[in-house]
Each structure stands twice: as C-alpha cells, then as structure tokens.
Amino acid sequence: MPCISVSKLTHVYFPRTPLETAALQDVDLEVREGEFLVLAGAAGSGKSTLVQHFNGLLLPTSGRVHVLGGDTADRRHRQELWRRVGLVFQFPERQIFSATVFDDIAYGPRNMGLSGTELQERVWQAMAAAGVAREMQQADPETLSGGMRRRVAIAGVLAMQPEILILDEPGAGLEPRARRDILQRLKELQAGCGTTVILITHHLDDAAVYADRVAVLRKGRLFCAGPPGEVLTRPGLLQDAGLEPPYTVELAARLAGAGVSLPETPLTPDAAARLLGRMLAKYRGVGAG
C-alpha cells in the first residue's frame, strides 16, 4: 500500500522569469508503506526538490502529490505533515541551536505538547535509536564531534516519531564506519517500527545493503526504479544517469567473467569480503599442496 503517490509531478523554480528552471518533469512514483527506498541521482537531478514535496515544503507546479492519505495541496492536511513526515537535510547539525543535547532533541515533542516523564521517555528513546548515549543529554552540542552532532540532529527528528523519515545524504562528510552505523540504525528503525525510510545517497553500495527498492532520477525525470538486484547490476544504465556503479558490481562482473559462481546479486560489501576470503583460503590451500 503506498504512503506516498506522485503523479505527473512537475516543479518549476522562478516560473515566467529569465531564471525559470524545471527541476522535476512528469515524475510518477509510489513509495510503499514501511519500505526502505533509496533515491539516487547525480547532482542537480532533482532528488532534494522531490522529497521536499513529501512533507509539503514545496507544492507542485503541476501534477499531484498524495502523502499519508491526503493531497499536499490541501492546506490543513499539509499542516499535519510537519509531525508525520520527518525530513533531515544535509548537515543537519548546522541547525542545532539549543544549549544541551536533551533540549535540542526535545524541541519538537515540546511543541507537540509533551512534558514531564512522557517527554523524557520520548527523548531517551530517540537518543537510543540514533546511537546517542543517555549520559550525553546535558552536554553542549558544540563540544561534540561532527558525527555525534549529526546523530543528535537525527534524534531530534526521530523524537517526533514520524511515520515517514526522509534523510538527504545523512552520511555526508562522515567516516565510512560512522556512516554505516547511522544507516544500520535506520534499517533497524524500519524493521522494528515499520517506519518508511527514504534515503538520498550517492553511495550505491549502501543501496545494495539497505534498500528494498532503488529509484534513480536523471535531469528531473524518473529514470528507473526497482529492486536493488535489478537496478544496481546495470552499470551502463547507472552511468547514463551520471552515477558510479557500486564497486561490488564491477567485482561481480569480473568474477563471473572468470567463471566464479556468485552467492548473490548484487554482492553486498560483506558478501564480497566473504567470497574473496574463501577464494584466498582456497588459493593458499592449493599453493600449500
């Protein structure tokens, strides 16, 4: 069942001016309830513009966007989406403004009317989900590392308990381990709470690990969409969209060309490491003989 339905969506910035730009053109897309969707595309393909229609920050120039049972053109329904659809922009830590970690995470729930024990539990749950230790709740966010500030900002959105969570490159600028940990926690949130997660990323190896489905935008149009095994194993298609195929796809192609039987397609980084480990062990065994 779709929680988001986009029909013939076109969005034009600065219409009827010399700066007129069509950021999206005739996009049709459905996002299923409870799925983990990766939205990929080169810079300027329209990814960020598209997701800002999902919580009503932007309205279509033409076409329709239905989210959680209502049309975003309906002002009253749009006002509900601020708490039902969480949107984490790139570098969200730059939006932190409270003096303590607790107060920053509590900002949204307080505006919803929560207080006392209920507010405290909501904040602690969000901290745990984002990987922020409870002992840090009175810390000044400015004293934290960039990666931890990122987690605090994400926790602030999680504290709203959104039905749909949208993240624009949440791993940007982080070390690979920190990025993977954040994405793993998002996958656990999806699995444990049924939250619909929409992730914008250019790391297509992440899509192979976490996505239920991948949608690719190219020059403001939906270029392709499907399961990772269909989309990520077509390097020519990805290159046409201005994307670098996952390194595991190239590895799998070379191994298959050498006659190696692959356990799965596309290979995840972990599966590739296990396969190479077995091949190395076999090679060493042959050499020892």
Protein backbone atom coordinates (compact mmCIF):
# COMPACT_ATOMS: atom_id res chain seq x y z
CA MET A 1 0.00 0.00 0.00
CA PRO A 2 1.54 3.35 -0.99
CA CYS A 3 2.02 6.01 1.66
CA ILE A 4 3.24 8.46 -1.00
CA SER A 5 1.84 8.69 -4.51
CA VAL A 6 3.31 11.13 -7.02
CA SER A 7 1.51 11.67 -10.30
CA LYS A 8 2.84 13.73 -13.23
CA LEU A 9 4.76 15.95 -10.82
CA THR A 10 6.45 18.96 -12.41
CA HIS A 11 8.17 21.64 -10.37
CA VAL A 12 9.48 24.85 -11.90
CA TYR A 13 11.61 27.33 -9.97
CA PHE A 14 11.21 31.03 -10.82
CA PRO A 15 8.46 30.50 -13.40
CA ARG A 16 7.95 33.13 -16.10
CA THR A 17 11.30 34.77 -15.32
CA PRO A 18 14.73 34.60 -17.01
CA LEU A 19 15.78 32.19 -14.22
CA GLU A 20 12.98 29.68 -14.92
CA THR A 21 14.23 26.14 -14.25
CA ALA A 22 12.28 22.89 -14.49
CA ALA A 23 13.69 20.86 -11.58
CA LEU A 24 11.19 18.00 -11.98
CA GLN A 25 9.26 16.92 -15.06
CA ASP A 26 6.32 14.48 -15.16
CA VAL A 27 7.53 12.31 -12.28
CA ASP A 28 5.38 9.30 -11.36
CA LEU A 29 6.45 7.43 -8.23
CA GLU A 30 4.89 5.43 -5.41
CA VAL A 31 6.53 4.83 -2.04
CA ARG A 32 5.20 1.80 -0.23
CA GLU A 33 4.34 1.88 3.44
CA GLY A 34 7.19 0.51 5.55
CA GLU A 35 9.77 0.23 2.78
CA PHE A 36 13.36 1.46 2.67
CA LEU A 37 13.66 3.42 -0.57
CA VAL A 38 16.99 4.75 -1.81
CA LEU A 39 16.67 7.79 -4.07
CA ALA A 40 19.77 8.25 -6.22
CA GLY A 41 20.88 10.60 -8.96
CA ALA A 42 23.66 12.94 -9.99
CA ALA A 43 23.88 16.47 -8.60
CA GLY A 44 21.04 18.56 -9.99
CA SER A 45 18.86 15.55 -10.86
CA GLY A 46 16.00 16.78 -8.64
CA LYS A 47 16.31 14.50 -5.60
CA SER A 48 16.09 17.17 -2.92
CA THR A 49 13.34 19.01 -4.77
CA LEU A 50 11.32 15.80 -4.97
CA VAL A 51 11.48 14.91 -1.26
CA GLN A 52 10.52 18.44 -0.24
CA HIS A 53 7.15 17.73 -1.87
CA PHE A 54 6.65 14.80 0.50
CA ASN A 55 6.09 16.99 3.56
CA GLY A 56 4.59 19.98 1.79
CA LEU A 57 7.61 22.27 1.90
CA LEU A 58 7.18 22.57 -1.86
CA LEU A 59 3.99 22.32 -3.89
CA PRO A 60 3.76 21.06 -7.47
CA THR A 61 3.77 23.47 -10.35
CA SER A 62 1.59 20.80 -11.94
CA GLY A 63 0.66 17.26 -11.05
CA ARG A 64 -0.38 15.75 -7.72
CA VAL A 65 1.35 14.52 -4.56
CA HIS A 66 -0.62 12.41 -2.08
CA VAL A 67 1.03 11.67 1.27
CA LEU A 68 -0.49 9.60 4.07
CA GLY A 69 -3.97 9.70 2.63
CA GLY A 70 -4.21 13.36 1.67
CA ASP A 71 -3.27 15.78 -1.09
CA THR A 72 -0.46 18.17 -0.18
CA ALA A 73 -2.42 20.89 -1.99
CA ASP A 74 -4.85 20.74 0.96
CA ARG A 75 -3.51 23.29 3.43
CA ARG A 76 -4.98 21.59 6.51
CA HIS A 77 -3.53 18.22 5.54
CA ARG A 78 -0.20 19.86 4.77
CA GLN A 79 -0.10 21.30 8.28
CA GLU A 80 -0.38 17.78 9.71
CA LEU A 81 2.62 16.55 7.76
CA TRP A 82 5.16 18.52 9.77
CA ARG A 83 4.88 15.94 12.56
CA ARG A 84 4.11 12.86 10.45
CA VAL A 85 6.91 13.25 7.91
CA GLY A 86 10.43 13.86 9.25
CA LEU A 87 12.92 15.46 6.88
CA VAL A 88 16.62 15.52 7.73
CA PHE A 89 18.54 17.84 5.44
CA GLN A 90 22.24 17.54 4.59
CA PHE A 91 24.47 18.56 7.51
CA PRO A 92 21.54 18.80 9.98
CA GLU A 93 23.95 19.51 12.82
CA ARG A 94 24.19 23.07 11.50
CA GLN A 95 20.59 23.55 12.61
CA ILE A 96 21.27 22.69 16.26
CA PHE A 97 20.57 25.73 18.43
CA SER A 98 19.83 24.53 21.98
CA ALA A 99 22.27 24.65 24.88
CA THR A 100 22.01 20.95 25.70
CA VAL A 101 21.55 17.72 23.77
CA PHE A 102 18.34 16.97 25.67
CA ASP A 103 16.75 20.35 24.91
CA ASP A 104 17.59 20.15 21.24
CA ILE A 105 16.05 16.70 20.84
CA ALA A 106 13.06 17.73 22.96
CA TYR A 107 12.23 20.82 20.88
CA GLY A 108 9.78 19.14 18.52
CA PRO A 109 7.96 16.99 21.12
CA ARG A 110 7.59 20.04 23.40
CA ASN A 111 5.88 21.88 20.55
CA MET A 112 3.53 18.89 20.31
CA GLY A 113 2.55 19.45 23.95
CA LEU A 114 4.64 16.71 25.59
CA SER A 115 6.13 17.33 29.03
CA GLY A 116 7.39 15.59 32.14
CA THR A 117 8.03 11.85 32.09
CA GLU A 118 6.42 11.44 28.67
CA LEU A 119 8.79 13.98 27.15
CA GLN A 120 11.79 12.45 28.89
CA GLU A 121 10.97 8.95 27.65
CA ARG A 122 10.41 10.22 24.11
CA VAL A 123 13.83 11.93 24.10
CA TRP A 124 15.61 8.92 25.59
CA GLN A 125 14.05 6.58 23.02
CA ALA A 126 15.20 8.86 20.19
CA MET A 127 18.70 9.10 21.64
CA ALA A 128 18.95 5.31 21.84
CA ALA A 129 17.68 4.91 18.26
CA ALA A 130 20.25 7.40 16.95
CA GLY A 131 23.15 6.00 18.99
CA VAL A 132 23.47 8.90 21.45
CA ALA A 133 24.38 7.79 24.97
CA ARG A 134 21.97 8.96 27.67
CA GLU A 135 24.93 10.30 29.66
CA MET A 136 25.37 12.96 26.97
CA GLN A 137 21.95 14.55 27.46
CA GLN A 138 23.27 17.58 29.36
CA ALA A 139 26.27 18.09 27.08
CA ASP A 140 26.65 21.23 24.99
CA PRO A 141 26.25 20.09 21.35
CA GLU A 142 29.05 22.44 20.34
CA THR A 143 31.52 20.28 22.30
CA LEU A 144 30.64 17.09 20.39
CA SER A 145 32.28 15.63 17.32
CA GLY A 146 30.70 16.26 13.93
CA GLY A 147 29.42 12.71 13.73
CA MET A 148 27.82 12.87 17.17
CA ARG A 149 26.19 16.22 16.41
CA ARG A 150 24.75 14.56 13.29
CA ARG A 151 23.26 11.83 15.50
CA VAL A 152 21.77 14.44 17.85
CA ALA A 153 20.13 16.22 14.93
CA ILE A 154 18.70 12.95 13.62
CA ALA A 155 17.46 12.08 17.11
CA GLY A 156 15.59 15.39 17.15
CA VAL A 157 13.60 14.23 14.12
CA LEU A 158 13.14 10.69 15.48
CA ALA A 159 11.70 12.15 18.69
CA MET A 160 8.70 13.28 16.64
CA GLN A 161 8.09 9.58 15.84
CA PRO A 162 7.37 10.30 12.17
CA GLU A 163 5.60 7.73 10.03
CA ILE A 164 7.88 8.64 7.13
CA LEU A 165 11.54 9.53 7.65
CA ILE A 166 13.44 11.23 4.82
CA LEU A 167 17.19 11.75 5.00
CA ASP A 168 19.26 13.72 2.50
CA GLU A 169 22.79 12.26 2.48
CA PRO A 170 22.94 11.61 6.25
CA GLY A 171 26.45 10.19 5.90
CA ALA A 172 27.91 13.20 4.06
CA GLY A 173 31.30 14.13 5.44
CA LEU A 174 31.43 11.25 7.92
CA GLU A 175 33.92 8.42 8.12
CA PRO A 176 32.68 5.20 6.49
CA ARG A 177 32.21 3.44 9.84
CA ALA A 178 30.09 6.29 11.25
CA ARG A 179 28.03 6.40 8.05
CA ARG A 180 27.39 2.66 8.14
CA ASP A 181 26.39 2.79 11.80
CA ILE A 182 23.81 5.52 11.16
CA LEU A 183 22.37 3.61 8.20
CA GLN A 184 22.21 0.38 10.18
CA ARG A 185 20.24 2.15 12.90
CA LEU A 186 17.84 3.47 10.28
CA LYS A 187 17.38 -0.06 8.94
CA GLU A 188 16.65 -1.29 12.46
CA LEU A 189 14.11 1.51 12.90
CA GLN A 190 12.38 0.46 9.69
CA ALA A 191 12.35 -3.21 10.71
CA GLY A 192 11.34 -2.62 14.33
CA CYS A 193 8.80 0.20 14.00
CA GLY A 194 7.60 -0.12 10.42
CA THR A 195 8.83 3.40 9.64
CA THR A 196 9.03 4.24 5.95
CA VAL A 197 12.59 5.39 5.24
CA ILE A 198 13.58 7.39 2.16
CA LEU A 199 17.32 7.85 1.81
CA ILE A 200 19.03 10.17 -0.66
CA THR A 201 22.56 8.95 -1.28
CA HIS A 202 25.21 8.72 -3.97
CA HIS A 203 26.81 5.74 -2.20
CA LEU A 204 25.19 2.99 -4.24
CA ASP A 205 27.00 0.34 -2.22
CA ASP A 206 24.78 1.49 0.66
CA ALA A 207 21.74 0.86 -1.55
CA ALA A 208 22.85 -2.74 -2.09
CA VAL A 209 22.96 -3.28 1.67
CA TYR A 210 19.92 -1.39 2.98
CA ALA A 211 17.41 -0.68 0.20
CA ASP A 212 14.23 -2.57 -0.55
CA ARG A 213 13.96 -0.53 -3.73
CA VAL A 214 16.06 1.99 -5.65
CA ALA A 215 14.70 4.93 -7.66
CA VAL A 216 17.06 6.87 -9.93
CA LEU A 217 16.45 10.42 -11.15
CA ARG A 218 18.09 11.89 -14.24
CA LYS A 219 17.71 15.54 -15.22
CA GLY A 220 14.48 15.93 -13.30
CA ARG A 221 12.82 12.76 -14.57
CA LEU A 222 12.39 9.34 -13.03
CA PHE A 223 14.96 7.31 -14.95
CA CYS A 224 14.33 3.87 -13.43
CA ALA A 225 13.08 2.19 -10.27
CA GLY A 226 13.15 -1.35 -8.97
CA PRO A 227 14.75 -3.79 -6.53
CA PRO A 228 18.50 -3.36 -5.97
CA GLY A 229 19.18 -6.59 -7.83
CA GLU A 230 17.64 -5.14 -10.97
CA VAL A 231 18.89 -1.56 -10.85
CA LEU A 232 22.38 -1.86 -9.39
CA THR A 233 23.53 -4.66 -11.67
CA ARG A 234 23.15 -2.48 -14.79
CA PRO A 235 26.33 -0.36 -14.80
CA GLY A 236 25.59 1.13 -18.21
CA LEU A 237 22.23 2.41 -17.02
CA LEU A 238 23.76 3.90 -13.88
CA GLN A 239 26.49 5.61 -15.86
CA ASP A 240 23.84 7.11 -18.15
CA ALA A 241 22.32 8.63 -15.01
CA GLY A 242 25.68 10.10 -14.01
CA LEU A 243 26.27 7.58 -11.21
CA GLU A 244 29.23 5.36 -10.44
CA PRO A 245 28.11 1.73 -10.16
CA PRO A 246 28.85 0.04 -6.82
CA TYR A 247 32.37 -1.35 -6.76
CA THR A 248 30.87 -4.71 -5.87
CA VAL A 249 29.01 -4.74 -9.21
CA GLU A 250 32.28 -4.38 -11.11
CA LEU A 251 33.84 -7.03 -8.90
CA ALA A 252 30.93 -9.41 -9.51
CA ALA A 253 31.17 -8.87 -13.27
CA ARG A 254 34.88 -9.68 -13.28
CA LEU A 255 34.42 -12.75 -11.09
CA ALA A 256 31.55 -14.01 -13.24
CA GLY A 257 33.68 -13.48 -16.34
CA ALA A 258 36.34 -15.66 -14.71
CA GLY A 259 33.82 -18.41 -14.12
CA VAL A 260 33.33 -17.84 -10.39
CA SER A 261 29.90 -18.77 -9.06
CA LEU A 262 28.38 -15.85 -7.13
CA PRO A 263 26.29 -16.40 -3.97
CA GLU A 264 24.00 -13.43 -4.61
CA THR A 265 23.48 -10.46 -6.90
CA PRO A 266 24.21 -7.68 -6.32
CA LEU A 267 27.06 -8.51 -3.98
CA THR A 268 26.97 -6.58 -0.74
CA PRO A 269 30.34 -5.47 0.65
CA ASP A 270 30.12 -8.13 3.36
CA ALA A 271 29.25 -10.87 0.84
CA ALA A 272 32.12 -9.75 -1.41
CA ALA A 273 34.54 -9.88 1.52
CA ARG A 274 33.40 -13.39 2.46
CA LEU A 275 33.68 -14.59 -1.13
CA LEU A 276 37.16 -13.16 -1.57
CA GLY A 277 38.17 -14.66 1.77
CA ARG A 278 37.07 -18.12 0.65
CA MET A 279 38.85 -17.72 -2.68
CA LEU A 280 42.04 -16.62 -0.92
CA ALA A 281 41.86 -19.54 1.50
CA LYS A 282 41.36 -21.94 -1.41
CA TYR A 283 44.27 -20.41 -3.29
CA ARG A 284 46.53 -20.72 -0.26
CA GLY A 285 45.45 -24.34 0.18
CA VAL A 286 46.33 -25.13 -3.43
CA GLY A 287 49.66 -23.36 -3.05
CA ALA A 288 50.47 -25.29 0.12
CA GLY A 289 49.74 -28.57 -1.70
